[in-house]
Amino acid sequence: MSTRSSRVGTSMAVASMSCVQLGLALAVGLFGTVGPLGAAWLRLAWAGLILLLVVRPRRSRVSRRGLLVGSALGCATAGVTTLFMEAVARIPLGTASALEFLGPLGVAVARSRGRGALAWPASAAVGVVLLTEPWRDLAAGSGADLVGVGFALAAAGCWAAYILLTQAVGDELSGLTGLAVSLPVAGVISTLVVAVADPGLWSHLDARVVLLGLGLAVLLPVVPFTLELLALRRLTTSAFGTLMCLEPAIATLVGLVVLHQVPGLWPAVGVAFVVAAGLGAERHGARAPAPTVAPAAAASPAPVAVEDPRTGAALVADVAPAWSGSSRTGSPPTSSSGSR
């Protein structure tokens, strides 16, 4: 694959992450009306309903194990979305995104083999620390919002679980069926959480709020989903995963422009570290040409588990089989794109 193809894939991945962060920033506008729980619920409920109507999964095509792992994936998706919304309600978007990124980064480090494989995640980890600035609040004596930090770290744990579950779902369910199972489950779980934790939310719903929730549900999964599928055909799994290191930087920029959250000096240095990690992935990320395989021996492409709970492209992206570097065959992905 040419360098140009790698650059196009990188641009698509960055555009996908930008759409995700813009959607998250716009969701903050709903906090004053329905709170973070309500904003998460609206997006998950609409996304689940849309997937059911579009895909209409047949029960005969969903095995018992497929339903089980798909439901587990829905739990992880609901956790990421709800916990992250609660975090953003308390700490800046860039900080929350950086802390949440520790989930996929931890999975990547655990799967990496050899010292060289850890170079880009290590650079990203330094950037995450600088973006978060844990020492600033301690030095000022004001203390960080520990509740917000806790929500972000819990979201990181759910994202790590999502990564592992995506692979299991990809083994059991084909195409969009995995999303058509997991997202409705996430919507149901979110509905139950709202019913228990904030039963008065329903009284705040009106046509404007419901339609805004629909718009966010379309903005978050649909556009990034399409961009990710295109990017996955131009980049290796590990390269696309490492490109997710750019997400805290993109979140910081979106927070500045949309939410007027101005970063300090150290977060700017942190941006440089995560950008360096992303550029390293782009430089080495073009897919290797497919080897010549006799027609009789050729295997059908397997879905790759490139994982981020916001767009779900991981569940339907067809790539070359084992030799391509799919995370299914042992190459360490960082995370990749999804459905918060």
C-alpha atoms as a PDB file:
ATOM      1  CA  MET A   1       0.000   0.000   0.000  1.00  0.00           C
ATOM      2  CA  SER A   2       1.348   3.436  -0.950  1.00  0.00           C
ATOM      3  CA  THR A   3       2.345   6.252   1.387  1.00  0.00           C
ATOM      4  CA  ARG A   4      -0.530   8.279  -0.057  1.00  0.00           C
ATOM      5  CA  SER A   5      -3.004   5.585   0.988  1.00  0.00           C
ATOM      6  CA  SER A   6      -1.557   5.644   4.490  1.00  0.00           C
ATOM      7  CA  ARG A   7      -1.970   9.435   4.656  1.00  0.00           C
ATOM      8  CA  VAL A   8      -5.558   9.247   3.438  1.00  0.00           C
ATOM      9  CA  GLY A   9      -6.312   6.598   6.055  1.00  0.00           C
ATOM     10  CA  THR A  10      -4.720   8.743   8.749  1.00  0.00           C
ATOM     11  CA  SER A  11      -6.802  11.765   7.705  1.00  0.00           C
ATOM     12  CA  MET A  12      -9.981   9.690   7.861  1.00  0.00           C
ATOM     13  CA  ALA A  13      -9.107   8.368  11.316  1.00  0.00           C
ATOM     14  CA  VAL A  14      -8.438  11.890  12.610  1.00  0.00           C
ATOM     15  CA  ALA A  15     -11.685  13.158  11.065  1.00  0.00           C
ATOM     16  CA  SER A  16     -13.568  10.321  12.744  1.00  0.00           C
ATOM     17  CA  MET A  17     -12.127  11.176  16.161  1.00  0.00           C
ATOM     18  CA  SER A  18     -12.917  14.858  15.594  1.00  0.00           C
ATOM     19  CA  CYS A  19     -16.567  14.014  14.916  1.00  0.00           C
ATOM     20  CA  VAL A  20     -16.692  11.912  18.075  1.00  0.00           C
ATOM     21  CA  GLN A  21     -15.269  14.671  20.267  1.00  0.00           C
ATOM     22  CA  LEU A  22     -17.515  17.303  18.679  1.00  0.00           C
ATOM     23  CA  GLY A  23     -20.523  15.140  19.437  1.00  0.00           C
ATOM     24  CA  LEU A  24     -19.390  14.722  23.036  1.00  0.00           C
ATOM     25  CA  ALA A  25     -18.858  18.475  23.423  1.00  0.00           C
ATOM     26  CA  LEU A  26     -22.296  19.223  21.995  1.00  0.00           C
ATOM     27  CA  ALA A  27     -23.818  16.698  24.392  1.00  0.00           C
ATOM     28  CA  VAL A  28     -22.612  18.920  27.249  1.00  0.00           C
ATOM     29  CA  GLY A  29     -25.245  21.413  26.109  1.00  0.00           C
ATOM     30  CA  LEU A  30     -27.932  18.973  27.259  1.00  0.00           C
ATOM     31  CA  PHE A  31     -26.577  18.758  30.802  1.00  0.00           C
ATOM     32  CA  GLY A  32     -28.521  21.811  31.943  1.00  0.00           C
ATOM     33  CA  THR A  33     -31.805  20.183  30.906  1.00  0.00           C
ATOM     34  CA  VAL A  34     -31.437  16.437  31.417  1.00  0.00           C
ATOM     35  CA  GLY A  35     -28.044  16.111  33.115  1.00  0.00           C
ATOM     36  CA  PRO A  36     -25.199  13.796  32.062  1.00  0.00           C
ATOM     37  CA  LEU A  37     -27.300  10.677  32.678  1.00  0.00           C
ATOM     38  CA  GLY A  38     -30.036  12.006  30.423  1.00  0.00           C
ATOM     39  CA  ALA A  39     -27.588  12.981  27.682  1.00  0.00           C
ATOM     40  CA  ALA A  40     -26.068   9.493  27.734  1.00  0.00           C
ATOM     41  CA  TRP A  41     -29.502   7.878  27.747  1.00  0.00           C
ATOM     42  CA  LEU A  42     -30.795   9.894  24.784  1.00  0.00           C
ATOM     43  CA  ARG A  43     -27.821   8.954  22.637  1.00  0.00           C
ATOM     44  CA  LEU A  44     -27.837   5.274  23.557  1.00  0.00           C
ATOM     45  CA  ALA A  45     -31.616   4.883  23.270  1.00  0.00           C
ATOM     46  CA  TRP A  46     -31.727   6.515  19.846  1.00  0.00           C
ATOM     47  CA  ALA A  47     -28.649   4.641  18.597  1.00  0.00           C
ATOM     48  CA  GLY A  48     -30.094   1.297  19.697  1.00  0.00           C
ATOM     49  CA  LEU A  49     -33.447   2.027  18.067  1.00  0.00           C
ATOM     50  CA  ILE A  50     -31.823   3.147  14.803  1.00  0.00           C
ATOM     51  CA  LEU A  51     -29.683  -0.006  14.620  1.00  0.00           C
ATOM     52  CA  LEU A  52     -32.691  -2.250  15.259  1.00  0.00           C
ATOM     53  CA  LEU A  53     -34.704  -0.558  12.512  1.00  0.00           C
ATOM     54  CA  VAL A  54     -31.859  -0.576   9.987  1.00  0.00           C
ATOM     55  CA  VAL A  55     -30.382  -4.030  10.601  1.00  0.00           C
ATOM     56  CA  ARG A  56     -33.407  -5.958  11.898  1.00  0.00           C
ATOM     57  CA  PRO A  57     -31.333  -8.894  13.152  1.00  0.00           C
ATOM     58  CA  ARG A  58     -32.905 -12.319  12.748  1.00  0.00           C
ATOM     59  CA  ARG A  59     -33.045 -14.459  15.860  1.00  0.00           C
ATOM     60  CA  SER A  60     -32.036 -17.503  13.800  1.00  0.00           C
ATOM     61  CA  ARG A  61     -28.711 -15.814  12.948  1.00  0.00           C
ATOM     62  CA  VAL A  62     -27.841 -15.023  16.551  1.00  0.00           C
ATOM     63  CA  SER A  63     -26.494 -17.940  18.572  1.00  0.00           C
ATOM     64  CA  ARG A  64     -26.960 -18.180  22.310  1.00  0.00           C
ATOM     65  CA  ARG A  65     -23.300 -17.349  22.853  1.00  0.00           C
ATOM     66  CA  GLY A  66     -23.571 -14.487  20.348  1.00  0.00           C
ATOM     67  CA  LEU A  67     -26.498 -13.038  22.285  1.00  0.00           C
ATOM     68  CA  LEU A  68     -24.576 -13.419  25.540  1.00  0.00           C
ATOM     69  CA  VAL A  69     -21.363 -11.717  24.400  1.00  0.00           C
ATOM     70  CA  GLY A  70     -23.349  -9.096  22.476  1.00  0.00           C
ATOM     71  CA  SER A  71     -25.268  -8.250  25.640  1.00  0.00           C
ATOM     72  CA  ALA A  72     -22.009  -8.064  27.596  1.00  0.00           C
ATOM     73  CA  LEU A  73     -20.676  -5.677  24.962  1.00  0.00           C
ATOM     74  CA  GLY A  74     -23.822  -3.597  25.386  1.00  0.00           C
ATOM     75  CA  CYS A  75     -23.129  -3.378  29.125  1.00  0.00           C
ATOM     76  CA  ALA A  76     -19.597  -2.139  28.415  1.00  0.00           C
ATOM     77  CA  THR A  77     -20.914   0.383  25.881  1.00  0.00           C
ATOM     78  CA  ALA A  78     -23.457   1.733  28.356  1.00  0.00           C
ATOM     79  CA  GLY A  79     -20.724   1.968  30.970  1.00  0.00           C
ATOM     80  CA  VAL A  80     -18.338   3.909  28.748  1.00  0.00           C
ATOM     81  CA  THR A  81     -21.011   6.344  27.592  1.00  0.00           C
ATOM     82  CA  THR A  82     -22.636   7.006  30.960  1.00  0.00           C
ATOM     83  CA  LEU A  83     -19.447   7.184  33.022  1.00  0.00           C
ATOM     84  CA  PHE A  84     -17.723   9.446  30.514  1.00  0.00           C
ATOM     85  CA  MET A  85     -20.673  11.845  30.464  1.00  0.00           C
ATOM     86  CA  GLU A  86     -20.537  11.991  34.263  1.00  0.00           C
ATOM     87  CA  ALA A  87     -16.794  12.706  34.070  1.00  0.00           C
ATOM     88  CA  VAL A  88     -17.185  15.506  31.506  1.00  0.00           C
ATOM     89  CA  ALA A  89     -19.773  17.133  33.761  1.00  0.00           C
ATOM     90  CA  ARG A  90     -17.030  17.541  36.392  1.00  0.00           C
ATOM     91  CA  ILE A  91     -13.641  17.851  34.637  1.00  0.00           C
ATOM     92  CA  PRO A  92     -12.496  19.320  31.275  1.00  0.00           C
ATOM     93  CA  LEU A  93     -13.173  17.293  28.139  1.00  0.00           C
ATOM     94  CA  GLY A  94      -9.462  16.930  27.318  1.00  0.00           C
ATOM     95  CA  THR A  95      -8.613  15.689  30.812  1.00  0.00           C
ATOM     96  CA  ALA A  96     -11.499  13.209  30.818  1.00  0.00           C
ATOM     97  CA  SER A  97     -10.507  11.895  27.395  1.00  0.00           C
ATOM     98  CA  ALA A  98      -6.875  11.529  28.481  1.00  0.00           C
ATOM     99  CA  LEU A  99      -7.816   9.557  31.581  1.00  0.00           C
ATOM    100  CA  GLU A 100     -10.267   7.390  29.663  1.00  0.00           C
ATOM    101  CA  PHE A 101      -7.542   6.628  27.140  1.00  0.00           C
ATOM    102  CA  LEU A 102      -5.643   4.745  29.850  1.00  0.00           C
ATOM    103  CA  GLY A 103      -8.020   1.814  29.255  1.00  0.00           C
ATOM    104  CA  PRO A 104      -7.080   1.012  25.650  1.00  0.00           C
ATOM    105  CA  LEU A 105      -3.492   2.068  26.302  1.00  0.00           C
ATOM    106  CA  GLY A 106      -3.268  -0.475  29.104  1.00  0.00           C
ATOM    107  CA  VAL A 107      -4.593  -3.204  26.829  1.00  0.00           C
ATOM    108  CA  ALA A 108      -2.050  -2.250  24.163  1.00  0.00           C
ATOM    109  CA  VAL A 109       0.847  -2.371  26.613  1.00  0.00           C
ATOM    110  CA  ALA A 110      -0.320  -5.729  27.977  1.00  0.00           C
ATOM    111  CA  ARG A 111      -0.407  -7.178  24.463  1.00  0.00           C
ATOM    112  CA  SER A 112       2.838  -5.655  23.205  1.00  0.00           C
ATOM    113  CA  ARG A 113       5.853  -7.867  22.606  1.00  0.00           C
ATOM    114  CA  GLY A 114       9.393  -6.549  22.618  1.00  0.00           C
ATOM    115  CA  ARG A 115      10.751  -3.199  23.695  1.00  0.00           C
ATOM    116  CA  GLY A 116      10.276  -1.562  20.300  1.00  0.00           C
ATOM    117  CA  ALA A 117       6.539  -2.254  20.327  1.00  0.00           C
ATOM    118  CA  LEU A 118       6.169  -0.130  23.461  1.00  0.00           C
ATOM    119  CA  ALA A 119       7.757   3.029  22.016  1.00  0.00           C
ATOM    120  CA  TRP A 120       4.616   4.730  20.699  1.00  0.00           C
ATOM    121  CA  PRO A 121       2.326   3.765  23.606  1.00  0.00           C
ATOM    122  CA  ALA A 122       5.053   5.025  25.963  1.00  0.00           C
ATOM    123  CA  SER A 123       5.141   8.373  24.168  1.00  0.00           C
ATOM    124  CA  ALA A 124       1.364   8.546  24.354  1.00  0.00           C
ATOM    125  CA  ALA A 125       1.438   7.710  28.063  1.00  0.00           C
ATOM    126  CA  VAL A 126       3.764  10.651  28.759  1.00  0.00           C
ATOM    127  CA  GLY A 127       1.399  12.876  26.805  1.00  0.00           C
ATOM    128  CA  VAL A 128      -1.570  11.639  28.811  1.00  0.00           C
ATOM    129  CA  VAL A 129       0.179  12.523  32.082  1.00  0.00           C
ATOM    130  CA  LEU A 130       1.104  16.002  30.840  1.00  0.00           C
ATOM    131  CA  LEU A 131      -2.407  16.605  29.547  1.00  0.00           C
ATOM    132  CA  THR A 132      -3.881  15.576  32.867  1.00  0.00           C
ATOM    133  CA  GLU A 133      -1.483  17.642  35.028  1.00  0.00           C
ATOM    134  CA  PRO A 134      -2.111  15.675  38.234  1.00  0.00           C
ATOM    135  CA  TRP A 135       0.452  17.790  40.128  1.00  0.00           C
ATOM    136  CA  ARG A 136      -1.203  21.167  39.457  1.00  0.00           C
ATOM    137  CA  ASP A 137      -4.202  20.787  41.746  1.00  0.00           C
ATOM    138  CA  LEU A 138      -2.068  19.215  44.453  1.00  0.00           C
ATOM    139  CA  ALA A 139       0.407  22.132  44.367  1.00  0.00           C
ATOM    140  CA  ALA A 140      -2.419  24.655  44.519  1.00  0.00           C
ATOM    141  CA  GLY A 141      -3.911  22.815  47.467  1.00  0.00           C
ATOM    142  CA  SER A 142      -7.345  22.841  45.867  1.00  0.00           C
ATOM    143  CA  GLY A 143      -7.350  19.175  44.981  1.00  0.00           C
ATOM    144  CA  ALA A 144      -8.664  17.585  41.831  1.00  0.00           C
ATOM    145  CA  ASP A 145     -12.308  16.685  41.374  1.00  0.00           C
ATOM    146  CA  LEU A 146     -11.802  13.117  42.520  1.00  0.00           C
ATOM    147  CA  VAL A 147     -15.339  12.140  41.600  1.00  0.00           C
ATOM    148  CA  GLY A 148     -14.817  13.277  38.007  1.00  0.00           C
ATOM    149  CA  VAL A 149     -11.435  11.541  37.851  1.00  0.00           C
ATOM    150  CA  GLY A 150     -13.019   8.399  39.266  1.00  0.00           C
ATOM    151  CA  PHE A 151     -15.757   8.429  36.617  1.00  0.00           C
ATOM    152  CA  ALA A 152     -13.155   8.871  33.854  1.00  0.00           C
ATOM    153  CA  LEU A 153     -11.034   5.994  35.173  1.00  0.00           C
ATOM    154  CA  ALA A 154     -14.127   3.801  35.453  1.00  0.00           C
ATOM    155  CA  ALA A 155     -14.915   4.658  31.823  1.00  0.00           C
ATOM    156  CA  ALA A 156     -11.350   3.616  30.965  1.00  0.00           C
ATOM    157  CA  GLY A 157     -11.977   0.236  32.558  1.00  0.00           C
ATOM    158  CA  CYS A 158     -15.191  -0.191  30.562  1.00  0.00           C
ATOM    159  CA  TRP A 159     -13.355   0.756  27.367  1.00  0.00           C
ATOM    160  CA  ALA A 160     -10.726  -1.916  28.073  1.00  0.00           C
ATOM    161  CA  ALA A 161     -13.519  -4.451  28.606  1.00  0.00           C
ATOM    162  CA  TYR A 162     -15.119  -3.288  25.354  1.00  0.00           C
ATOM    163  CA  ILE A 163     -11.889  -4.009  23.485  1.00  0.00           C
ATOM    164  CA  LEU A 164     -11.776  -7.587  24.726  1.00  0.00           C
ATOM    165  CA  LEU A 165     -15.501  -8.193  24.204  1.00  0.00           C
ATOM    166  CA  THR A 166     -15.445  -6.800  20.656  1.00  0.00           C
ATOM    167  CA  GLN A 167     -13.210  -9.654  19.572  1.00  0.00           C
ATOM    168  CA  ALA A 168     -15.573 -12.223  21.086  1.00  0.00           C
ATOM    169  CA  VAL A 169     -18.577 -10.587  19.397  1.00  0.00           C
ATOM    170  CA  GLY A 170     -16.719 -10.498  16.073  1.00  0.00           C
ATOM    171  CA  ASP A 171     -16.191 -14.253  16.350  1.00  0.00           C
ATOM    172  CA  GLU A 172     -19.894 -14.928  16.923  1.00  0.00           C
ATOM    173  CA  LEU A 173     -21.812 -12.274  14.977  1.00  0.00           C
ATOM    174  CA  SER A 174     -21.212 -11.006  11.459  1.00  0.00           C
ATOM    175  CA  GLY A 175     -21.626  -7.604   9.869  1.00  0.00           C
ATOM    176  CA  LEU A 176     -23.831  -5.117  11.699  1.00  0.00           C
ATOM    177  CA  THR A 177     -25.534  -7.822  13.746  1.00  0.00           C
ATOM    178  CA  GLY A 178     -23.118  -7.313  16.627  1.00  0.00           C
ATOM    179  CA  LEU A 179     -24.040  -3.636  16.831  1.00  0.00           C
ATOM    180  CA  ALA A 180     -27.740  -4.440  16.437  1.00  0.00           C
ATOM    181  CA  VAL A 181     -27.476  -6.620  19.555  1.00  0.00           C
ATOM    182  CA  SER A 182     -25.121  -4.558  21.722  1.00  0.00           C
ATOM    183  CA  LEU A 183     -26.490  -1.030  21.212  1.00  0.00           C
ATOM    184  CA  PRO A 184     -30.146  -1.854  22.024  1.00  0.00           C
ATOM    185  CA  VAL A 185     -28.912  -3.624  25.169  1.00  0.00           C
ATOM    186  CA  ALA A 186     -26.909  -0.497  26.035  1.00  0.00           C
ATOM    187  CA  GLY A 187     -30.053   1.589  25.521  1.00  0.00           C
ATOM    188  CA  VAL A 188     -32.102  -0.645  27.817  1.00  0.00           C
ATOM    189  CA  ILE A 189     -29.422  -0.567  30.531  1.00  0.00           C
ATOM    190  CA  SER A 190     -29.188   3.217  30.285  1.00  0.00           C
ATOM    191  CA  THR A 191     -32.976   3.475  30.589  1.00  0.00           C
ATOM    192  CA  LEU A 192     -32.929   1.362  33.752  1.00  0.00           C
ATOM    193  CA  VAL A 193     -30.124   3.474  35.232  1.00  0.00           C
ATOM    194  CA  VAL A 194     -32.068   6.686  34.591  1.00  0.00           C
ATOM    195  CA  ALA A 195     -35.265   5.171  36.013  1.00  0.00           C
ATOM    196  CA  VAL A 196     -33.466   4.327  39.258  1.00  0.00           C
ATOM    197  CA  ALA A 197     -30.998   7.218  39.611  1.00  0.00           C
ATOM    198  CA  ASP A 198     -33.000  10.123  38.142  1.00  0.00           C
ATOM    199  CA  PRO A 199     -36.695   9.238  37.724  1.00  0.00           C
ATOM    200  CA  GLY A 200     -37.613  12.914  37.451  1.00  0.00           C
ATOM    201  CA  LEU A 201     -35.712  13.216  34.171  1.00  0.00           C
ATOM    202  CA  TRP A 202     -38.721  12.237  32.077  1.00  0.00           C
ATOM    203  CA  SER A 203     -40.520  15.446  33.058  1.00  0.00           C
ATOM    204  CA  HIS A 204     -37.750  17.518  31.449  1.00  0.00           C
ATOM    205  CA  LEU A 205     -38.126  15.925  28.030  1.00  0.00           C
ATOM    206  CA  ASP A 206     -39.663  17.918  25.198  1.00  0.00           C
ATOM    207  CA  ALA A 207     -39.548  17.734  21.408  1.00  0.00           C
ATOM    208  CA  ARG A 208     -36.415  19.891  21.180  1.00  0.00           C
ATOM    209  CA  VAL A 209     -34.431  17.783  23.645  1.00  0.00           C
ATOM    210  CA  VAL A 210     -35.529  14.507  22.059  1.00  0.00           C
ATOM    211  CA  LEU A 211     -34.595  15.721  18.573  1.00  0.00           C
ATOM    212  CA  LEU A 212     -31.230  16.979  19.825  1.00  0.00           C
ATOM    213  CA  GLY A 213     -30.614  13.523  21.240  1.00  0.00           C
ATOM    214  CA  LEU A 214     -31.458  12.016  17.867  1.00  0.00           C
ATOM    215  CA  GLY A 215     -29.052  14.392  16.143  1.00  0.00           C
ATOM    216  CA  LEU A 216     -26.255  13.445  18.531  1.00  0.00           C
ATOM    217  CA  ALA A 217     -26.960   9.750  17.999  1.00  0.00           C
ATOM    218  CA  VAL A 218     -26.600  10.253  14.248  1.00  0.00           C
ATOM    219  CA  LEU A 219     -23.512  12.478  14.545  1.00  0.00           C
ATOM    220  CA  LEU A 220     -21.634  10.166  16.865  1.00  0.00           C
ATOM    221  CA  PRO A 221     -22.034   6.729  15.279  1.00  0.00           C
ATOM    222  CA  VAL A 222     -22.856   7.342  11.614  1.00  0.00           C
ATOM    223  CA  VAL A 223     -20.189   9.749  10.320  1.00  0.00           C
ATOM    224  CA  PRO A 224     -17.284   8.364  12.390  1.00  0.00           C
ATOM    225  CA  PHE A 225     -18.448   4.824  11.574  1.00  0.00           C
ATOM    226  CA  THR A 226     -18.140   5.472   7.832  1.00  0.00           C
ATOM    227  CA  LEU A 227     -14.784   7.218   8.138  1.00  0.00           C
ATOM    228  CA  GLU A 228     -13.379   4.423  10.287  1.00  0.00           C
ATOM    229  CA  LEU A 229     -14.404   1.693   7.878  1.00  0.00           C
ATOM    230  CA  LEU A 230     -12.593   3.542   5.092  1.00  0.00           C
ATOM    231  CA  ALA A 231      -9.529   4.180   7.256  1.00  0.00           C
ATOM    232  CA  LEU A 232      -9.323   0.536   8.351  1.00  0.00           C
ATOM    233  CA  ARG A 233      -8.846  -0.469   4.725  1.00  0.00           C
ATOM    234  CA  ARG A 234      -5.788   1.769   4.420  1.00  0.00           C
ATOM    235  CA  LEU A 235      -3.989   1.270   7.744  1.00  0.00           C
ATOM    236  CA  THR A 236      -2.754  -1.662   9.786  1.00  0.00           C
ATOM    237  CA  THR A 237      -4.688  -2.492  12.920  1.00  0.00           C
ATOM    238  CA  SER A 238      -1.811  -1.481  15.199  1.00  0.00           C
ATOM    239  CA  ALA A 239      -1.280   1.804  13.329  1.00  0.00           C
ATOM    240  CA  PHE A 240      -4.953   2.717  13.528  1.00  0.00           C
ATOM    241  CA  GLY A 241      -4.956   1.815  17.200  1.00  0.00           C
ATOM    242  CA  THR A 242      -1.957   4.003  17.931  1.00  0.00           C
ATOM    243  CA  LEU A 243      -3.572   6.872  16.038  1.00  0.00           C
ATOM    244  CA  MET A 244      -6.158   6.869  18.807  1.00  0.00           C
ATOM    245  CA  CYS A 245      -3.391   8.449  20.890  1.00  0.00           C
ATOM    246  CA  LEU A 246      -4.428  11.673  19.145  1.00  0.00           C
ATOM    247  CA  GLU A 247      -7.812  11.622  20.831  1.00  0.00           C
ATOM    248  CA  PRO A 248      -6.846  13.465  24.053  1.00  0.00           C
ATOM    249  CA  ALA A 249      -5.256  16.183  21.920  1.00  0.00           C
ATOM    250  CA  ILE A 250      -8.330  16.448  19.709  1.00  0.00           C
ATOM    251  CA  ALA A 251     -10.546  16.508  22.785  1.00  0.00           C
ATOM    252  CA  THR A 252      -8.461  19.352  24.233  1.00  0.00           C
ATOM    253  CA  LEU A 253      -8.813  21.346  21.003  1.00  0.00           C
ATOM    254  CA  VAL A 254     -12.566  20.750  20.789  1.00  0.00           C
ATOM    255  CA  GLY A 255     -12.902  21.679  24.459  1.00  0.00           C
ATOM    256  CA  LEU A 256     -11.080  24.947  23.742  1.00  0.00           C
ATOM    257  CA  VAL A 257     -13.154  25.882  20.691  1.00  0.00           C
ATOM    258  CA  VAL A 258     -16.593  24.632  21.712  1.00  0.00           C
ATOM    259  CA  LEU A 259     -16.534  24.695  25.519  1.00  0.00           C
ATOM    260  CA  HIS A 260     -13.918  27.467  26.003  1.00  0.00           C
ATOM    261  CA  GLN A 261     -11.743  25.222  28.207  1.00  0.00           C
ATOM    262  CA  VAL A 262      -8.272  26.797  27.826  1.00  0.00           C
ATOM    263  CA  PRO A 263      -5.348  24.356  28.366  1.00  0.00           C
ATOM    264  CA  GLY A 264      -2.131  25.381  30.124  1.00  0.00           C
ATOM    265  CA  LEU A 265       1.518  24.977  29.110  1.00  0.00           C
ATOM    266  CA  TRP A 266       1.976  21.365  30.177  1.00  0.00           C
ATOM    267  CA  PRO A 267      -1.146  20.158  28.354  1.00  0.00           C
ATOM    268  CA  ALA A 268       0.271  21.801  25.221  1.00  0.00           C
ATOM    269  CA  VAL A 269       3.493  19.824  25.706  1.00  0.00           C
ATOM    270  CA  GLY A 270       1.365  16.734  26.257  1.00  0.00           C
ATOM    271  CA  VAL A 271      -0.309  17.374  22.914  1.00  0.00           C
ATOM    272  CA  ALA A 272       3.137  17.278  21.292  1.00  0.00           C
ATOM    273  CA  PHE A 273       3.804  13.856  22.814  1.00  0.00           C
ATOM    274  CA  VAL A 274       0.549  12.322  21.652  1.00  0.00           C
ATOM    275  CA  VAL A 275       0.929  13.900  18.207  1.00  0.00           C
ATOM    276  CA  ALA A 276       4.406  12.344  18.013  1.00  0.00           C
ATOM    277  CA  ALA A 277       2.877   8.963  18.812  1.00  0.00           C
ATOM    278  CA  GLY A 278       0.229   9.487  16.141  1.00  0.00           C
ATOM    279  CA  LEU A 279       2.782  10.553  13.540  1.00  0.00           C
ATOM    280  CA  GLY A 280       4.855   7.488  14.346  1.00  0.00           C
ATOM    281  CA  ALA A 281       1.838   5.318  13.677  1.00  0.00           C
ATOM    282  CA  GLU A 282       1.109   7.118  10.409  1.00  0.00           C
ATOM    283  CA  ARG A 283       4.711   6.773   9.256  1.00  0.00           C
ATOM    284  CA  HIS A 284       4.692   3.013   9.728  1.00  0.00           C
ATOM    285  CA  GLY A 285       1.011   2.404   9.180  1.00  0.00           C
ATOM    286  CA  ALA A 286       0.493   1.576   5.510  1.00  0.00           C
ATOM    287  CA  ARG A 287      -0.891  -1.902   5.016  1.00  0.00           C
ATOM    288  CA  ALA A 288       1.517  -4.396   3.529  1.00  0.00           C
ATOM    289  CA  PRO A 289       0.553  -5.704   0.065  1.00  0.00           C
ATOM    290  CA  ALA A 290      -1.470  -8.897   0.221  1.00  0.00           C
ATOM    291  CA  PRO A 291       0.523 -12.061  -0.535  1.00  0.00           C
ATOM    292  CA  THR A 292      -0.425 -14.079  -3.566  1.00  0.00           C
ATOM    293  CA  VAL A 293      -2.701 -16.929  -2.542  1.00  0.00           C
ATOM    294  CA  ALA A 294      -4.011 -19.670  -4.784  1.00  0.00           C
ATOM    295  CA  PRO A 295      -7.785 -19.336  -5.290  1.00  0.00           C
ATOM    296  CA  ALA A 296      -8.467 -22.729  -3.721  1.00  0.00           C
ATOM    297  CA  ALA A 297      -6.514 -21.827  -0.606  1.00  0.00           C
ATOM    298  CA  ALA A 298      -7.671 -18.242  -0.245  1.00  0.00           C
ATOM    299  CA  ALA A 299      -9.478 -17.502   2.969  1.00  0.00           C
ATOM    300  CA  SER A 300     -12.326 -15.051   3.274  1.00  0.00           C
ATOM    301  CA  PRO A 301     -11.432 -11.860   5.127  1.00  0.00           C
ATOM    302  CA  ALA A 302     -12.060 -11.951   8.842  1.00  0.00           C
ATOM    303  CA  PRO A 303     -13.555  -9.038  10.738  1.00  0.00           C
ATOM    304  CA  VAL A 304     -10.887  -7.164  12.652  1.00  0.00           C
ATOM    305  CA  ALA A 305     -11.326  -6.223  16.264  1.00  0.00           C
ATOM    306  CA  VAL A 306     -10.359  -2.572  16.185  1.00  0.00           C
ATOM    307  CA  GLU A 307     -12.176  -1.365  19.187  1.00  0.00           C
ATOM    308  CA  ASP A 308     -13.784   1.852  20.411  1.00  0.00           C
ATOM    309  CA  PRO A 309     -17.280   1.853  21.860  1.00  0.00           C
ATOM    310  CA  ARG A 310     -18.486   4.925  20.002  1.00  0.00           C
ATOM    311  CA  THR A 311     -18.868   3.970  16.354  1.00  0.00           C
ATOM    312  CA  GLY A 312     -18.687   0.189  16.362  1.00  0.00           C
ATOM    313  CA  ALA A 313     -16.706  -0.052  13.124  1.00  0.00           C
ATOM    314  CA  ALA A 314     -14.605  -2.753  14.767  1.00  0.00           C
ATOM    315  CA  LEU A 315     -17.450  -5.229  14.452  1.00  0.00           C
ATOM    316  CA  VAL A 316     -17.899  -4.989  10.706  1.00  0.00           C
ATOM    317  CA  ALA A 317     -14.545  -3.938   9.218  1.00  0.00           C
ATOM    318  CA  ASP A 318     -13.331  -6.608   6.803  1.00  0.00           C
ATOM    319  CA  VAL A 319      -9.578  -6.831   6.482  1.00  0.00           C
ATOM    320  CA  ALA A 320      -7.090  -9.370   5.246  1.00  0.00           C
ATOM    321  CA  PRO A 321      -6.715 -12.544   7.311  1.00  0.00           C
ATOM    322  CA  ALA A 322      -3.988 -13.551   9.763  1.00  0.00           C
ATOM    323  CA  TRP A 323      -1.001 -12.160   7.879  1.00  0.00           C
ATOM    324  CA  SER A 324      -2.437  -8.630   7.891  1.00  0.00           C
ATOM    325  CA  GLY A 325      -1.711  -7.950  11.554  1.00  0.00           C
ATOM    326  CA  SER A 326      -5.261  -8.174  12.823  1.00  0.00           C
ATOM    327  CA  SER A 327      -5.576  -7.936  16.585  1.00  0.00           C
ATOM    328  CA  ARG A 328      -7.371 -11.247  16.284  1.00  0.00           C
ATOM    329  CA  THR A 329      -4.082 -12.894  15.399  1.00  0.00           C
ATOM    330  CA  GLY A 330      -2.021 -11.415  18.187  1.00  0.00           C
ATOM    331  CA  SER A 331      -0.868  -7.982  17.004  1.00  0.00           C
ATOM    332  CA  PRO A 332      -1.374  -5.490  19.824  1.00  0.00           C
ATOM    333  CA  PRO A 333      -4.047  -2.902  19.007  1.00  0.00           C
ATOM    334  CA  THR A 334      -4.213   0.252  21.040  1.00  0.00           C
ATOM    335  CA  SER A 335      -7.931   0.703  20.783  1.00  0.00           C
ATOM    336  CA  SER A 336      -9.686   2.194  17.952  1.00  0.00           C
ATOM    337  CA  SER A 337     -12.832   3.743  17.195  1.00  0.00           C
ATOM    338  CA  GLY A 338     -16.312   3.400  18.710  1.00  0.00           C
ATOM    339  CA  SER A 339     -19.625   4.664  20.515  1.00  0.00           C
ATOM    340  CA  ARG A 340     -19.361   6.611  23.765  1.00  0.00           C
END
